[in-house]
Protein backbone atom coordinates (compact mmCIF):
# COMPACT_ATOMS: atom_id res chain seq x y z
CA UNK A 1 0.00 0.00 0.00
CA UNK A 2 1.30 3.45 -0.94
CA UNK A 3 -0.05 6.68 0.48
CA UNK A 4 0.44 9.98 -1.31
CA UNK A 5 -0.16 13.36 0.30
CA UNK A 6 -0.03 16.53 -1.79
CA UNK A 7 0.54 20.04 -0.50
CA UNK A 8 1.40 23.49 -1.82
CA UNK A 9 -1.70 24.43 -3.76
CA UNK A 10 -3.38 27.79 -3.42
CA UNK A 11 -4.45 31.01 -5.10
CA UNK A 12 -1.94 32.91 -7.22
CA UNK A 13 -2.11 35.68 -9.80
CA UNK A 14 -1.34 35.01 -13.44
CA UNK A 15 2.40 35.00 -14.01
CA UNK A 16 3.09 33.79 -10.50
CA UNK A 17 4.62 30.58 -9.20
CA UNK A 18 3.72 27.71 -6.92
CA UNK A 19 5.55 24.57 -5.86
CA UNK A 20 3.55 21.45 -5.22
CA UNK A 21 4.91 18.65 -3.07
CA UNK A 22 3.84 15.03 -2.80
CA UNK A 23 5.06 12.93 0.11
CA UNK A 24 4.91 9.19 -0.45
CA UNK A 25 5.06 6.18 1.80
CA UNK A 26 6.75 3.00 0.69
CA UNK A 27 10.22 1.59 1.06
CA UNK A 28 10.86 1.38 -2.67
CA UNK A 29 9.85 4.94 -3.57
CA UNK A 30 13.01 5.44 -5.59
CA UNK A 31 11.84 2.83 -8.11
CA UNK A 32 8.37 4.32 -8.68
CA UNK A 33 7.41 6.42 -11.64
CA UNK A 34 5.86 9.53 -10.12
CA UNK A 35 3.42 11.65 -12.03
CA UNK A 36 1.36 14.80 -11.73
CA UNK A 37 -2.08 15.07 -13.30
CA UNK A 38 -4.73 17.74 -13.16
CA UNK A 39 -8.48 17.95 -13.51
CA UNK A 40 -10.51 21.07 -14.13
CA UNK A 41 -14.27 21.17 -13.50
CA UNK A 42 -16.17 19.32 -16.21
CA UNK A 43 -12.99 18.03 -17.82
CA UNK A 44 -11.16 14.73 -17.80
CA UNK A 45 -8.04 14.19 -15.75
CA UNK A 46 -4.99 15.01 -17.85
CA UNK A 47 -1.29 14.28 -17.69
CA UNK A 48 1.01 17.11 -16.62
CA UNK A 49 4.44 15.64 -15.91
CA UNK A 50 6.21 12.49 -14.77
CA UNK A 51 9.63 11.37 -13.61
CA UNK A 52 11.10 7.87 -13.59
CA UNK A 53 13.54 6.24 -11.19
CA UNK A 54 16.32 7.28 -13.56
CA UNK A 55 15.15 10.92 -13.55
CA UNK A 56 13.81 10.71 -17.09
CA UNK A 57 11.06 13.29 -17.36
CA UNK A 58 8.00 13.79 -19.54
CA UNK A 59 5.89 16.91 -19.83
CA UNK A 60 2.60 17.78 -21.44
CA UNK A 61 3.12 20.26 -24.26
CA UNK A 62 1.08 22.93 -22.47
CA UNK A 63 3.52 23.06 -19.52
CA UNK A 64 6.87 22.66 -21.28
CA UNK A 65 9.20 25.46 -20.31
CA UNK A 66 7.00 26.52 -17.40
CA UNK A 67 6.75 23.51 -15.07
CA UNK A 68 9.54 21.32 -13.69
CA UNK A 69 9.11 17.95 -12.00
CA UNK A 70 11.76 16.66 -9.63
CA UNK A 71 12.14 14.04 -6.93
CA UNK A 72 14.07 13.67 -3.70
CA UNK A 73 14.34 9.96 -2.97
CA UNK A 74 15.87 10.58 0.46
CA UNK A 75 12.66 12.39 1.44
CA UNK A 76 10.26 10.17 -0.55
CA UNK A 77 8.95 13.34 -2.14
CA UNK A 78 8.20 14.54 -5.65
CA UNK A 79 7.81 18.20 -6.54
CA UNK A 80 6.16 20.21 -9.28
CA UNK A 81 7.56 23.70 -9.68
CA UNK A 82 5.06 25.77 -11.61
CA UNK A 83 6.15 29.11 -13.06
CA UNK A 84 4.44 31.60 -15.36
CA UNK A 85 1.07 30.31 -14.28
CA UNK A 86 -1.96 31.02 -16.45
CA UNK A 87 -5.67 31.07 -15.57
CA UNK A 88 -6.10 27.93 -17.67
CA UNK A 89 -3.79 26.10 -15.25
CA UNK A 90 -6.55 26.29 -12.66
CA UNK A 91 -7.42 22.74 -11.60
CA UNK A 92 -7.10 20.16 -8.88
CA UNK A 93 -3.61 18.70 -9.14
CA UNK A 94 -3.06 15.05 -8.28
CA UNK A 95 0.09 13.14 -7.51
CA UNK A 96 0.21 9.54 -8.71
CA UNK A 97 2.55 6.57 -8.41
CA UNK A 98 3.22 3.86 -10.98
CA UNK A 99 4.88 0.96 -9.18
CA UNK A 100 6.21 -0.62 -12.34
CA UNK A 101 9.89 -0.11 -13.05
CA UNK A 102 9.98 1.76 -16.34
CA UNK A 103 12.60 3.50 -18.38
CA UNK A 104 9.98 5.88 -19.73
CA UNK A 105 6.89 7.08 -17.92
CA UNK A 106 3.39 6.21 -19.06
CA UNK A 107 1.03 9.12 -19.61
CA UNK A 108 -2.44 7.66 -19.05
CA UNK A 109 -4.12 7.89 -15.65
CA UNK A 110 -4.98 4.19 -15.91
CA UNK A 111 -1.27 3.34 -15.83
CA UNK A 112 -0.91 4.66 -12.29
CA UNK A 113 -1.59 2.54 -9.24
CA UNK A 114 -1.98 5.03 -6.39
CA UNK A 115 -3.31 8.56 -6.16
CA UNK A 116 -3.25 11.41 -3.70
CA UNK A 117 -6.29 13.35 -2.62
CA UNK A 118 -5.48 16.34 -4.80
CA UNK A 119 -4.62 19.97 -4.11
CA UNK A 120 -6.43 22.96 -5.60
CA UNK A 121 -4.51 25.43 -7.73
CA UNK A 122 -6.35 28.59 -8.71
CA UNK A 123 -4.79 31.19 -10.99
CA UNK A 124 -6.52 34.54 -11.17
CA UNK A 125 -6.29 36.84 -14.19
C-alpha atoms as a PDB file:
ATOM      1  CA  UNK A   1       0.000   0.000   0.000  1.00  0.00           C
ATOM      2  CA  UNK A   2       1.298   3.445  -0.942  1.00  0.00           C
ATOM      3  CA  UNK A   3      -0.045   6.675   0.479  1.00  0.00           C
ATOM      4  CA  UNK A   4       0.437   9.981  -1.310  1.00  0.00           C
ATOM      5  CA  UNK A   5      -0.163  13.362   0.296  1.00  0.00           C
ATOM      6  CA  UNK A   6      -0.026  16.529  -1.786  1.00  0.00           C
ATOM      7  CA  UNK A   7       0.544  20.042  -0.503  1.00  0.00           C
ATOM      8  CA  UNK A   8       1.403  23.493  -1.822  1.00  0.00           C
ATOM      9  CA  UNK A   9      -1.698  24.433  -3.763  1.00  0.00           C
ATOM     10  CA  UNK A  10      -3.379  27.794  -3.423  1.00  0.00           C
ATOM     11  CA  UNK A  11      -4.453  31.008  -5.103  1.00  0.00           C
ATOM     12  CA  UNK A  12      -1.940  32.906  -7.220  1.00  0.00           C
ATOM     13  CA  UNK A  13      -2.113  35.677  -9.800  1.00  0.00           C
ATOM     14  CA  UNK A  14      -1.343  35.015 -13.440  1.00  0.00           C
ATOM     15  CA  UNK A  15       2.400  35.003 -14.010  1.00  0.00           C
ATOM     16  CA  UNK A  16       3.093  33.794 -10.496  1.00  0.00           C
ATOM     17  CA  UNK A  17       4.620  30.578  -9.204  1.00  0.00           C
ATOM     18  CA  UNK A  18       3.719  27.713  -6.922  1.00  0.00           C
ATOM     19  CA  UNK A  19       5.553  24.571  -5.857  1.00  0.00           C
ATOM     20  CA  UNK A  20       3.545  21.446  -5.217  1.00  0.00           C
ATOM     21  CA  UNK A  21       4.907  18.645  -3.067  1.00  0.00           C
ATOM     22  CA  UNK A  22       3.842  15.030  -2.798  1.00  0.00           C
ATOM     23  CA  UNK A  23       5.063  12.932   0.109  1.00  0.00           C
ATOM     24  CA  UNK A  24       4.909   9.189  -0.448  1.00  0.00           C
ATOM     25  CA  UNK A  25       5.059   6.180   1.801  1.00  0.00           C
ATOM     26  CA  UNK A  26       6.750   2.995   0.689  1.00  0.00           C
ATOM     27  CA  UNK A  27      10.221   1.592   1.058  1.00  0.00           C
ATOM     28  CA  UNK A  28      10.860   1.379  -2.670  1.00  0.00           C
ATOM     29  CA  UNK A  29       9.846   4.938  -3.566  1.00  0.00           C
ATOM     30  CA  UNK A  30      13.009   5.441  -5.593  1.00  0.00           C
ATOM     31  CA  UNK A  31      11.835   2.830  -8.114  1.00  0.00           C
ATOM     32  CA  UNK A  32       8.375   4.324  -8.677  1.00  0.00           C
ATOM     33  CA  UNK A  33       7.407   6.417 -11.644  1.00  0.00           C
ATOM     34  CA  UNK A  34       5.859   9.534 -10.118  1.00  0.00           C
ATOM     35  CA  UNK A  35       3.420  11.647 -12.027  1.00  0.00           C
ATOM     36  CA  UNK A  36       1.358  14.799 -11.726  1.00  0.00           C
ATOM     37  CA  UNK A  37      -2.080  15.065 -13.301  1.00  0.00           C
ATOM     38  CA  UNK A  38      -4.729  17.736 -13.160  1.00  0.00           C
ATOM     39  CA  UNK A  39      -8.479  17.948 -13.511  1.00  0.00           C
ATOM     40  CA  UNK A  40     -10.507  21.075 -14.125  1.00  0.00           C
ATOM     41  CA  UNK A  41     -14.272  21.168 -13.500  1.00  0.00           C
ATOM     42  CA  UNK A  42     -16.171  19.315 -16.211  1.00  0.00           C
ATOM     43  CA  UNK A  43     -12.993  18.026 -17.816  1.00  0.00           C
ATOM     44  CA  UNK A  44     -11.157  14.733 -17.798  1.00  0.00           C
ATOM     45  CA  UNK A  45      -8.042  14.189 -15.753  1.00  0.00           C
ATOM     46  CA  UNK A  46      -4.990  15.013 -17.851  1.00  0.00           C
ATOM     47  CA  UNK A  47      -1.287  14.276 -17.693  1.00  0.00           C
ATOM     48  CA  UNK A  48       1.008  17.110 -16.620  1.00  0.00           C
ATOM     49  CA  UNK A  49       4.443  15.642 -15.907  1.00  0.00           C
ATOM     50  CA  UNK A  50       6.212  12.491 -14.770  1.00  0.00           C
ATOM     51  CA  UNK A  51       9.635  11.371 -13.606  1.00  0.00           C
ATOM     52  CA  UNK A  52      11.102   7.870 -13.594  1.00  0.00           C
ATOM     53  CA  UNK A  53      13.535   6.239 -11.189  1.00  0.00           C
ATOM     54  CA  UNK A  54      16.317   7.281 -13.556  1.00  0.00           C
ATOM     55  CA  UNK A  55      15.150  10.921 -13.554  1.00  0.00           C
ATOM     56  CA  UNK A  56      13.811  10.708 -17.089  1.00  0.00           C
ATOM     57  CA  UNK A  57      11.064  13.286 -17.362  1.00  0.00           C
ATOM     58  CA  UNK A  58       8.004  13.789 -19.539  1.00  0.00           C
ATOM     59  CA  UNK A  59       5.891  16.915 -19.829  1.00  0.00           C
ATOM     60  CA  UNK A  60       2.605  17.781 -21.444  1.00  0.00           C
ATOM     61  CA  UNK A  61       3.121  20.264 -24.257  1.00  0.00           C
ATOM     62  CA  UNK A  62       1.084  22.928 -22.475  1.00  0.00           C
ATOM     63  CA  UNK A  63       3.523  23.063 -19.523  1.00  0.00           C
ATOM     64  CA  UNK A  64       6.870  22.662 -21.276  1.00  0.00           C
ATOM     65  CA  UNK A  65       9.201  25.463 -20.315  1.00  0.00           C
ATOM     66  CA  UNK A  66       7.003  26.524 -17.396  1.00  0.00           C
ATOM     67  CA  UNK A  67       6.750  23.506 -15.070  1.00  0.00           C
ATOM     68  CA  UNK A  68       9.536  21.323 -13.686  1.00  0.00           C
ATOM     69  CA  UNK A  69       9.105  17.954 -11.998  1.00  0.00           C
ATOM     70  CA  UNK A  70      11.760  16.655  -9.632  1.00  0.00           C
ATOM     71  CA  UNK A  71      12.138  14.039  -6.929  1.00  0.00           C
ATOM     72  CA  UNK A  72      14.069  13.670  -3.703  1.00  0.00           C
ATOM     73  CA  UNK A  73      14.340   9.955  -2.970  1.00  0.00           C
ATOM     74  CA  UNK A  74      15.871  10.585   0.455  1.00  0.00           C
ATOM     75  CA  UNK A  75      12.664  12.390   1.437  1.00  0.00           C
ATOM     76  CA  UNK A  76      10.258  10.169  -0.547  1.00  0.00           C
ATOM     77  CA  UNK A  77       8.945  13.344  -2.137  1.00  0.00           C
ATOM     78  CA  UNK A  78       8.203  14.538  -5.650  1.00  0.00           C
ATOM     79  CA  UNK A  79       7.812  18.205  -6.543  1.00  0.00           C
ATOM     80  CA  UNK A  80       6.165  20.208  -9.279  1.00  0.00           C
ATOM     81  CA  UNK A  81       7.565  23.702  -9.684  1.00  0.00           C
ATOM     82  CA  UNK A  82       5.058  25.771 -11.610  1.00  0.00           C
ATOM     83  CA  UNK A  83       6.146  29.112 -13.063  1.00  0.00           C
ATOM     84  CA  UNK A  84       4.442  31.603 -15.364  1.00  0.00           C
ATOM     85  CA  UNK A  85       1.068  30.313 -14.283  1.00  0.00           C
ATOM     86  CA  UNK A  86      -1.958  31.025 -16.447  1.00  0.00           C
ATOM     87  CA  UNK A  87      -5.674  31.070 -15.566  1.00  0.00           C
ATOM     88  CA  UNK A  88      -6.103  27.925 -17.671  1.00  0.00           C
ATOM     89  CA  UNK A  89      -3.788  26.098 -15.252  1.00  0.00           C
ATOM     90  CA  UNK A  90      -6.552  26.289 -12.656  1.00  0.00           C
ATOM     91  CA  UNK A  91      -7.425  22.736 -11.597  1.00  0.00           C
ATOM     92  CA  UNK A  92      -7.101  20.162  -8.881  1.00  0.00           C
ATOM     93  CA  UNK A  93      -3.609  18.699  -9.141  1.00  0.00           C
ATOM     94  CA  UNK A  94      -3.057  15.054  -8.281  1.00  0.00           C
ATOM     95  CA  UNK A  95       0.089  13.144  -7.508  1.00  0.00           C
ATOM     96  CA  UNK A  96       0.212   9.538  -8.707  1.00  0.00           C
ATOM     97  CA  UNK A  97       2.546   6.568  -8.410  1.00  0.00           C
ATOM     98  CA  UNK A  98       3.217   3.860 -10.976  1.00  0.00           C
ATOM     99  CA  UNK A  99       4.876   0.961  -9.181  1.00  0.00           C
ATOM    100  CA  UNK A 100       6.208  -0.622 -12.344  1.00  0.00           C
ATOM    101  CA  UNK A 101       9.888  -0.110 -13.047  1.00  0.00           C
ATOM    102  CA  UNK A 102       9.979   1.761 -16.338  1.00  0.00           C
ATOM    103  CA  UNK A 103      12.601   3.500 -18.383  1.00  0.00           C
ATOM    104  CA  UNK A 104       9.982   5.880 -19.730  1.00  0.00           C
ATOM    105  CA  UNK A 105       6.892   7.079 -17.919  1.00  0.00           C
ATOM    106  CA  UNK A 106       3.395   6.206 -19.065  1.00  0.00           C
ATOM    107  CA  UNK A 107       1.034   9.123 -19.611  1.00  0.00           C
ATOM    108  CA  UNK A 108      -2.438   7.659 -19.053  1.00  0.00           C
ATOM    109  CA  UNK A 109      -4.119   7.886 -15.648  1.00  0.00           C
ATOM    110  CA  UNK A 110      -4.981   4.188 -15.910  1.00  0.00           C
ATOM    111  CA  UNK A 111      -1.267   3.337 -15.831  1.00  0.00           C
ATOM    112  CA  UNK A 112      -0.906   4.657 -12.287  1.00  0.00           C
ATOM    113  CA  UNK A 113      -1.589   2.538  -9.238  1.00  0.00           C
ATOM    114  CA  UNK A 114      -1.980   5.028  -6.392  1.00  0.00           C
ATOM    115  CA  UNK A 115      -3.307   8.562  -6.158  1.00  0.00           C
ATOM    116  CA  UNK A 116      -3.246  11.406  -3.697  1.00  0.00           C
ATOM    117  CA  UNK A 117      -6.291  13.348  -2.615  1.00  0.00           C
ATOM    118  CA  UNK A 118      -5.476  16.340  -4.802  1.00  0.00           C
ATOM    119  CA  UNK A 119      -4.619  19.969  -4.114  1.00  0.00           C
ATOM    120  CA  UNK A 120      -6.431  22.961  -5.604  1.00  0.00           C
ATOM    121  CA  UNK A 121      -4.511  25.434  -7.726  1.00  0.00           C
ATOM    122  CA  UNK A 122      -6.354  28.594  -8.707  1.00  0.00           C
ATOM    123  CA  UNK A 123      -4.788  31.191 -10.986  1.00  0.00           C
ATOM    124  CA  UNK A 124      -6.524  34.540 -11.175  1.00  0.00           C
ATOM    125  CA  UNK A 125      -6.291  36.843 -14.188  1.00  0.00           C
END
